[in-house]
Amino acid sequence: MGLFSLLAGLGCESIDTTELKEKKGRKEDFFLLDVRTPSEYQRRKIDGAKLIPLSELDARVKEVPKAKEVVVYCASGVRSAFACKKLKSLGFRVRNLAGGISRW
């Protein structure tokens, strides 16, 4: 099974970097969630992102606002796809940044 098949199987709607940059440029009200590790976050992040490592998401899910669209990213899009699936199962409107920060 290829990566794209795996991600599609998780049921995540994706957003590409161009669309995310446009959303940020229009100052749309959405929640940007980084699910990488603290050390990855310190090295490079997207301005305005909130760090909640994937391993802490279950315990910290209340920090994610349900009233806003959530855009999730990681390094390549795999961890964020798992976060996306989890959040979607809890009723969040969520999208996964295709290719993660490596494409940013």
C-alpha atoms as a PDB file:
ATOM      1  CA  MET A   1       0.000   0.000   0.000  1.00  0.00           C
ATOM      2  CA  GLY A   2       1.432   3.367  -1.029  1.00  0.00           C
ATOM      3  CA  LEU A   3       1.522   6.443   1.163  1.00  0.00           C
ATOM      4  CA  PHE A   4      -1.307   8.171  -0.688  1.00  0.00           C
ATOM      5  CA  SER A   5      -3.490   5.078  -0.398  1.00  0.00           C
ATOM      6  CA  LEU A   6      -2.782   4.925   3.316  1.00  0.00           C
ATOM      7  CA  LEU A   7      -3.643   8.587   3.811  1.00  0.00           C
ATOM      8  CA  ALA A   8      -6.796   8.295   1.716  1.00  0.00           C
ATOM      9  CA  GLY A   9      -7.794   5.322   3.848  1.00  0.00           C
ATOM     10  CA  LEU A  10      -7.644   7.539   6.916  1.00  0.00           C
ATOM     11  CA  GLY A  11     -10.384   9.708   5.414  1.00  0.00           C
ATOM     12  CA  CYS A  12      -8.566  13.010   5.649  1.00  0.00           C
ATOM     13  CA  GLU A  13      -9.387  15.904   3.403  1.00  0.00           C
ATOM     14  CA  SER A  14      -6.169  17.616   2.418  1.00  0.00           C
ATOM     15  CA  ILE A  15      -5.117  21.201   1.854  1.00  0.00           C
ATOM     16  CA  ASP A  16      -2.051  22.138  -0.191  1.00  0.00           C
ATOM     17  CA  THR A  17       0.534  24.746   0.728  1.00  0.00           C
ATOM     18  CA  THR A  18      -0.783  27.280  -1.796  1.00  0.00           C
ATOM     19  CA  GLU A  19      -4.297  27.136  -0.368  1.00  0.00           C
ATOM     20  CA  LEU A  20      -2.988  27.363   3.204  1.00  0.00           C
ATOM     21  CA  LYS A  21      -0.858  30.412   2.331  1.00  0.00           C
ATOM     22  CA  GLU A  22      -3.934  32.014   0.742  1.00  0.00           C
ATOM     23  CA  LYS A  23      -6.041  31.299   3.873  1.00  0.00           C
ATOM     24  CA  LYS A  24      -3.350  32.886   6.036  1.00  0.00           C
ATOM     25  CA  GLY A  25      -3.072  35.844   3.662  1.00  0.00           C
ATOM     26  CA  ARG A  26      -6.831  36.443   3.875  1.00  0.00           C
ATOM     27  CA  LYS A  27      -6.529  36.182   7.677  1.00  0.00           C
ATOM     28  CA  GLU A  28      -9.221  33.499   7.790  1.00  0.00           C
ATOM     29  CA  ASP A  29     -10.153  32.322  11.259  1.00  0.00           C
ATOM     30  CA  PHE A  30      -8.918  28.733  11.538  1.00  0.00           C
ATOM     31  CA  PHE A  31      -6.796  26.729  13.977  1.00  0.00           C
ATOM     32  CA  LEU A  32      -3.371  25.607  12.779  1.00  0.00           C
ATOM     33  CA  LEU A  33      -2.182  22.518  14.656  1.00  0.00           C
ATOM     34  CA  ASP A  34       1.377  21.169  14.585  1.00  0.00           C
ATOM     35  CA  VAL A  35       1.567  17.547  15.794  1.00  0.00           C
ATOM     36  CA  ARG A  36       5.346  17.129  15.575  1.00  0.00           C
ATOM     37  CA  THR A  37       7.743  16.895  18.525  1.00  0.00           C
ATOM     38  CA  PRO A  38       8.854  19.965  20.497  1.00  0.00           C
ATOM     39  CA  SER A  39      12.369  19.757  19.013  1.00  0.00           C
ATOM     40  CA  GLU A  40      10.979  19.683  15.453  1.00  0.00           C
ATOM     41  CA  TYR A  41       8.756  22.644  16.308  1.00  0.00           C
ATOM     42  CA  GLN A  42      11.714  24.639  17.665  1.00  0.00           C
ATOM     43  CA  ARG A  43      13.711  24.099  14.468  1.00  0.00           C
ATOM     44  CA  ARG A  44      10.954  25.205  12.097  1.00  0.00           C
ATOM     45  CA  LYS A  45       7.268  26.046  12.346  1.00  0.00           C
ATOM     46  CA  ILE A  46       4.500  27.813  10.496  1.00  0.00           C
ATOM     47  CA  ASP A  47       3.627  31.140  12.114  1.00  0.00           C
ATOM     48  CA  GLY A  48       0.495  30.935  14.222  1.00  0.00           C
ATOM     49  CA  ALA A  49       0.656  27.180  14.778  1.00  0.00           C
ATOM     50  CA  LYS A  50      -0.128  25.584  18.134  1.00  0.00           C
ATOM     51  CA  LEU A  51       2.074  22.639  19.087  1.00  0.00           C
ATOM     52  CA  ILE A  52       0.311  19.562  20.425  1.00  0.00           C
ATOM     53  CA  PRO A  53       2.495  16.524  19.695  1.00  0.00           C
ATOM     54  CA  LEU A  54       0.555  13.568  18.298  1.00  0.00           C
ATOM     55  CA  SER A  55       1.492  11.532  21.386  1.00  0.00           C
ATOM     56  CA  GLU A  56      -0.293  14.142  23.569  1.00  0.00           C
ATOM     57  CA  LEU A  57      -3.335  14.781  21.390  1.00  0.00           C
ATOM     58  CA  ASP A  58      -5.739  12.507  23.290  1.00  0.00           C
ATOM     59  CA  ALA A  59      -4.923  14.219  26.594  1.00  0.00           C
ATOM     60  CA  ARG A  60      -4.956  17.755  25.144  1.00  0.00           C
ATOM     61  CA  VAL A  61      -7.790  17.592  22.608  1.00  0.00           C
ATOM     62  CA  LYS A  62      -9.771  20.187  24.613  1.00  0.00           C
ATOM     63  CA  GLU A  63      -7.165  22.766  23.525  1.00  0.00           C
ATOM     64  CA  VAL A  64      -8.404  22.413  19.944  1.00  0.00           C
ATOM     65  CA  PRO A  65     -11.420  24.633  19.248  1.00  0.00           C
ATOM     66  CA  LYS A  66     -14.376  22.754  17.797  1.00  0.00           C
ATOM     67  CA  ALA A  67     -15.954  25.914  16.383  1.00  0.00           C
ATOM     68  CA  LYS A  68     -13.102  26.500  13.915  1.00  0.00           C
ATOM     69  CA  GLU A  69     -11.755  24.594  10.949  1.00  0.00           C
ATOM     70  CA  VAL A  70      -8.560  22.805  12.006  1.00  0.00           C
ATOM     71  CA  VAL A  71      -5.579  22.466   9.671  1.00  0.00           C
ATOM     72  CA  VAL A  72      -3.091  19.864  10.919  1.00  0.00           C
ATOM     73  CA  TYR A  73       0.505  19.402   9.841  1.00  0.00           C
ATOM     74  CA  CYS A  74       3.606  17.416  10.688  1.00  0.00           C
ATOM     75  CA  ALA A  75       6.863  16.850   8.813  1.00  0.00           C
ATOM     76  CA  SER A  76       5.493  14.914   5.840  1.00  0.00           C
ATOM     77  CA  GLY A  77       1.747  14.465   6.351  1.00  0.00           C
ATOM     78  CA  VAL A  78       1.643  11.012   7.939  1.00  0.00           C
ATOM     79  CA  ARG A  79       1.382  11.846  11.655  1.00  0.00           C
ATOM     80  CA  SER A  80      -1.003  14.668  10.838  1.00  0.00           C
ATOM     81  CA  ALA A  81      -3.198  12.218   8.899  1.00  0.00           C
ATOM     82  CA  PHE A  82      -3.560  10.114  12.054  1.00  0.00           C
ATOM     83  CA  ALA A  83      -4.346  13.271  14.051  1.00  0.00           C
ATOM     84  CA  CYS A  84      -6.855  14.230  11.365  1.00  0.00           C
ATOM     85  CA  LYS A  85      -8.621  10.892  11.632  1.00  0.00           C
ATOM     86  CA  LYS A  86      -8.796  11.182  15.418  1.00  0.00           C
ATOM     87  CA  LEU A  87     -10.144  14.736  15.345  1.00  0.00           C
ATOM     88  CA  LYS A  88     -12.636  13.919  12.605  1.00  0.00           C
ATOM     89  CA  SER A  89     -13.982  11.006  14.691  1.00  0.00           C
ATOM     90  CA  LEU A  90     -14.594  13.516  17.500  1.00  0.00           C
ATOM     91  CA  GLY A  91     -16.608  15.822  15.246  1.00  0.00           C
ATOM     92  CA  PHE A  92     -13.971  18.383  14.255  1.00  0.00           C
ATOM     93  CA  ARG A  93     -13.837  19.976  10.792  1.00  0.00           C
ATOM     94  CA  VAL A  94     -10.259  19.109   9.906  1.00  0.00           C
ATOM     95  CA  ARG A  95      -7.858  19.090   6.961  1.00  0.00           C
ATOM     96  CA  ASN A  96      -4.356  17.700   6.578  1.00  0.00           C
ATOM     97  CA  LEU A  97      -1.535  19.782   5.056  1.00  0.00           C
ATOM     98  CA  ALA A  98      -0.411  17.699   2.075  1.00  0.00           C
ATOM     99  CA  GLY A  99       3.300  16.939   2.322  1.00  0.00           C
ATOM    100  CA  GLY A 100       3.583  18.589   5.727  1.00  0.00           C
ATOM    101  CA  ILE A 101       6.019  21.344   6.571  1.00  0.00           C
ATOM    102  CA  SER A 102       8.567  19.820   4.209  1.00  0.00           C
ATOM    103  CA  ARG A 103       6.500  21.284   1.341  1.00  0.00           C
ATOM    104  CA  TRP A 104       5.943  24.591   3.103  1.00  0.00           C
END
